[in-house]
Amino acid sequence: MGMLMIKCPQTGRAIATGIKSDRDSFLRSTVFFARTPCPICKTDHGWFAPEAWVQEPDGPNASARISSAPRPRRSPGA
């Protein structure tokens, strides 16, 4: 289980959304819109699911890594 992350548009730094998910479940989820308060720039950021990624731990005592793989986009009728 990992943390859903987005990029702060002000600083370009990754921030946690507070949503936990695994990568496969997130990739199967419907596209949605959410807001996340940013601890870096103190602004609420609106974002769509395709802009986010899951940061998962590699294993016990390993540092987390960020997936740079783009999330596949679904057509509106799918």
N, C-alpha and C. Protein backbone atom coordinates (compact mmCIF):
# COMPACT_ATOMS: atom_id res chain seq x y z
N MET A 1 0.86 -1.18 0.00
CA MET A 1 0.00 0.00 0.00
C MET A 1 0.90 1.23 0.00
N GLY A 2 0.57 2.17 -0.83
CA GLY A 2 1.36 3.39 -0.94
C GLY A 2 0.49 4.63 -0.76
N MET A 3 1.11 5.77 -0.93
CA MET A 3 0.43 7.06 -0.77
C MET A 3 0.26 7.71 -2.14
N LEU A 4 -0.93 8.22 -2.40
CA LEU A 4 -1.21 8.95 -3.63
C LEU A 4 -0.54 10.31 -3.52
N MET A 5 0.23 10.66 -4.54
CA MET A 5 1.02 11.89 -4.55
C MET A 5 0.64 12.77 -5.73
N ILE A 6 0.82 14.07 -5.55
CA ILE A 6 0.67 15.04 -6.65
C ILE A 6 1.85 16.00 -6.59
N LYS A 7 2.00 16.79 -7.63
CA LYS A 7 3.08 17.78 -7.67
C LYS A 7 2.52 19.15 -7.36
N CYS A 8 3.15 19.86 -6.43
CA CYS A 8 2.77 21.23 -6.12
C CYS A 8 3.10 22.09 -7.34
N PRO A 9 2.10 22.76 -7.94
CA PRO A 9 2.38 23.57 -9.12
C PRO A 9 3.23 24.80 -8.82
N GLN A 10 3.29 25.22 -7.58
CA GLN A 10 4.09 26.39 -7.21
C GLN A 10 5.57 26.05 -7.10
N THR A 11 5.87 24.87 -6.50
CA THR A 11 7.27 24.52 -6.20
C THR A 11 7.78 23.34 -7.03
N GLY A 12 6.87 22.55 -7.61
CA GLY A 12 7.28 21.37 -8.35
C GLY A 12 7.61 20.18 -7.46
N ARG A 13 7.44 20.33 -6.16
CA ARG A 13 7.75 19.25 -5.23
C ARG A 13 6.56 18.32 -5.06
N ALA A 14 6.83 17.04 -4.78
CA ALA A 14 5.79 16.05 -4.56
C ALA A 14 5.17 16.26 -3.18
N ILE A 15 3.83 16.16 -3.13
CA ILE A 15 3.13 16.24 -1.84
C ILE A 15 2.15 15.08 -1.73
N ALA A 16 1.96 14.60 -0.52
CA ALA A 16 1.04 13.50 -0.25
C ALA A 16 -0.39 14.04 -0.20
N THR A 17 -1.31 13.27 -0.77
CA THR A 17 -2.72 13.67 -0.77
C THR A 17 -3.46 13.18 0.47
N GLY A 18 -2.88 12.22 1.18
CA GLY A 18 -3.55 11.61 2.32
C GLY A 18 -4.38 10.40 1.92
N ILE A 19 -4.36 10.05 0.63
CA ILE A 19 -5.11 8.90 0.13
C ILE A 19 -4.15 7.72 -0.04
N LYS A 20 -4.47 6.59 0.60
CA LYS A 20 -3.65 5.39 0.46
C LYS A 20 -4.25 4.47 -0.59
N SER A 21 -3.38 3.88 -1.40
CA SER A 21 -3.82 2.97 -2.45
C SER A 21 -2.63 2.15 -2.92
N ASP A 22 -2.91 1.04 -3.58
CA ASP A 22 -1.84 0.35 -4.28
C ASP A 22 -1.92 0.76 -5.74
N ARG A 23 -0.82 0.60 -6.44
CA ARG A 23 -0.72 1.09 -7.82
C ARG A 23 -1.78 0.47 -8.73
N ASP A 24 -1.98 -0.86 -8.64
CA ASP A 24 -2.94 -1.52 -9.52
C ASP A 24 -4.37 -1.03 -9.29
N SER A 25 -4.77 -0.90 -8.02
CA SER A 25 -6.11 -0.40 -7.73
C SER A 25 -6.30 1.02 -8.23
N PHE A 26 -5.28 1.85 -8.04
CA PHE A 26 -5.38 3.23 -8.50
C PHE A 26 -5.51 3.31 -10.02
N LEU A 27 -4.75 2.48 -10.73
CA LEU A 27 -4.82 2.49 -12.19
C LEU A 27 -6.18 2.02 -12.71
N ARG A 28 -6.90 1.22 -11.91
CA ARG A 28 -8.23 0.74 -12.30
C ARG A 28 -9.34 1.70 -11.87
N SER A 29 -9.02 2.69 -11.05
CA SER A 29 -10.05 3.59 -10.54
C SER A 29 -10.56 4.53 -11.63
N THR A 30 -11.75 5.08 -11.39
CA THR A 30 -12.31 6.05 -12.32
C THR A 30 -11.56 7.37 -12.18
N VAL A 31 -11.60 8.17 -13.19
CA VAL A 31 -10.97 9.48 -13.13
C VAL A 31 -11.81 10.37 -12.22
N PHE A 32 -11.16 11.05 -11.29
CA PHE A 32 -11.88 11.89 -10.35
C PHE A 32 -11.10 13.18 -10.12
N PHE A 33 -11.79 14.16 -9.52
CA PHE A 33 -11.19 15.44 -9.17
C PHE A 33 -11.14 15.52 -7.65
N ALA A 34 -10.05 16.07 -7.11
CA ALA A 34 -9.93 16.23 -5.66
C ALA A 34 -9.13 17.50 -5.36
N ARG A 35 -9.17 17.90 -4.10
CA ARG A 35 -8.38 19.04 -3.62
C ARG A 35 -7.51 18.56 -2.48
N THR A 36 -6.28 19.06 -2.44
CA THR A 36 -5.35 18.69 -1.38
C THR A 36 -4.69 19.96 -0.84
N PRO A 37 -4.71 20.14 0.49
CA PRO A 37 -3.99 21.28 1.06
C PRO A 37 -2.48 21.03 0.98
N CYS A 38 -1.75 22.00 0.52
CA CYS A 38 -0.30 21.86 0.35
C CYS A 38 0.44 22.40 1.58
N PRO A 39 1.23 21.56 2.22
CA PRO A 39 2.00 22.02 3.38
C PRO A 39 3.19 22.89 2.98
N ILE A 40 3.53 22.90 1.70
CA ILE A 40 4.69 23.67 1.24
C ILE A 40 4.31 25.12 0.96
N CYS A 41 3.31 25.33 0.10
CA CYS A 41 2.95 26.71 -0.29
C CYS A 41 1.67 27.20 0.39
N LYS A 42 1.09 26.36 1.25
CA LYS A 42 -0.10 26.75 2.04
C LYS A 42 -1.31 27.09 1.18
N THR A 43 -1.47 26.41 0.03
CA THR A 43 -2.58 26.61 -0.88
C THR A 43 -3.28 25.27 -1.10
N ASP A 44 -4.59 25.30 -1.36
CA ASP A 44 -5.29 24.09 -1.76
C ASP A 44 -5.10 23.89 -3.25
N HIS A 45 -4.64 22.70 -3.65
CA HIS A 45 -4.43 22.40 -5.06
C HIS A 45 -5.54 21.47 -5.55
N GLY A 46 -6.20 21.85 -6.64
CA GLY A 46 -7.17 20.99 -7.29
C GLY A 46 -6.42 20.13 -8.30
N TRP A 47 -6.80 18.86 -8.40
CA TRP A 47 -6.11 17.95 -9.31
C TRP A 47 -7.04 16.84 -9.77
N PHE A 48 -6.74 16.29 -10.94
CA PHE A 48 -7.46 15.15 -11.48
C PHE A 48 -6.60 13.91 -11.31
N ALA A 49 -7.23 12.74 -11.18
CA ALA A 49 -6.52 11.49 -10.94
C ALA A 49 -5.36 11.23 -11.92
N PRO A 50 -5.49 11.53 -13.22
CA PRO A 50 -4.37 11.26 -14.12
C PRO A 50 -3.10 12.07 -13.80
N GLU A 51 -3.21 13.10 -12.99
CA GLU A 51 -2.04 13.90 -12.61
C GLU A 51 -1.31 13.32 -11.40
N ALA A 52 -1.90 12.31 -10.77
CA ALA A 52 -1.34 11.74 -9.54
C ALA A 52 -0.62 10.42 -9.80
N TRP A 53 0.15 9.98 -8.82
CA TRP A 53 0.82 8.68 -8.87
C TRP A 53 0.86 8.11 -7.46
N VAL A 54 1.14 6.80 -7.40
CA VAL A 54 1.26 6.12 -6.12
C VAL A 54 2.72 5.96 -5.78
N GLN A 55 3.10 6.45 -4.62
CA GLN A 55 4.46 6.26 -4.11
C GLN A 55 4.41 5.09 -3.15
N GLU A 56 5.08 3.99 -3.53
CA GLU A 56 5.06 2.79 -2.72
C GLU A 56 6.45 2.48 -2.17
N PRO A 57 6.51 1.93 -0.96
CA PRO A 57 7.81 1.51 -0.43
C PRO A 57 8.32 0.31 -1.23
N ASP A 58 9.62 0.23 -1.42
CA ASP A 58 10.22 -0.89 -2.15
C ASP A 58 10.29 -2.14 -1.29
N GLY A 59 10.24 -1.98 0.00
CA GLY A 59 10.34 -3.12 0.90
C GLY A 59 10.65 -2.63 2.29
N PRO A 60 10.85 -3.55 3.24
CA PRO A 60 11.16 -3.16 4.61
C PRO A 60 12.42 -2.30 4.68
N ASN A 61 12.32 -1.20 5.39
CA ASN A 61 13.44 -0.28 5.62
C ASN A 61 13.99 0.36 4.36
N ALA A 62 13.26 0.27 3.25
CA ALA A 62 13.72 0.89 2.00
C ALA A 62 13.08 2.26 1.87
N SER A 63 13.78 3.15 1.22
CA SER A 63 13.19 4.47 1.00
C SER A 63 12.14 4.36 -0.10
N ALA A 64 11.16 5.24 -0.06
CA ALA A 64 10.08 5.22 -1.05
C ALA A 64 10.58 5.74 -2.38
N ARG A 65 9.98 5.25 -3.44
CA ARG A 65 10.34 5.73 -4.76
C ARG A 65 9.09 6.28 -5.43
N ILE A 66 9.27 7.15 -6.37
CA ILE A 66 8.15 7.74 -7.09
C ILE A 66 8.09 7.12 -8.47
N SER A 67 6.92 6.65 -8.83
CA SER A 67 6.72 6.10 -10.16
C SER A 67 6.54 7.23 -11.14
N SER A 68 7.33 7.23 -12.20
CA SER A 68 7.19 8.26 -13.22
C SER A 68 6.36 7.75 -14.39
N ALA A 69 5.86 6.53 -14.28
CA ALA A 69 5.05 5.99 -15.36
C ALA A 69 3.73 6.75 -15.45
N PRO A 70 3.38 7.21 -16.64
CA PRO A 70 2.12 7.95 -16.77
C PRO A 70 0.94 7.03 -16.55
N ARG A 71 -0.10 7.58 -15.99
CA ARG A 71 -1.33 6.85 -15.76
C ARG A 71 -2.10 6.80 -17.07
N PRO A 72 -2.54 5.60 -17.51
CA PRO A 72 -3.27 5.55 -18.77
C PRO A 72 -4.57 6.31 -18.69
N ARG A 73 -4.88 7.05 -19.75
CA ARG A 73 -6.13 7.81 -19.80
C ARG A 73 -7.21 6.93 -20.40
N ARG A 74 -8.40 7.10 -19.86
CA ARG A 74 -9.54 6.32 -20.36
C ARG A 74 -10.44 7.24 -21.16
N SER A 75 -11.06 6.65 -22.16
CA SER A 75 -12.00 7.45 -22.95
C SER A 75 -13.26 7.66 -22.14
N PRO A 76 -14.01 8.73 -22.37
CA PRO A 76 -15.20 9.03 -21.60
C PRO A 76 -16.23 7.91 -21.61
N GLY A 77 -16.30 7.12 -22.66
CA GLY A 77 -17.29 6.05 -22.74
C GLY A 77 -16.82 4.74 -22.15
N ALA A 78 -15.59 4.67 -21.66
CA ALA A 78 -15.05 3.39 -21.15
C ALA A 78 -15.43 3.17 -19.71
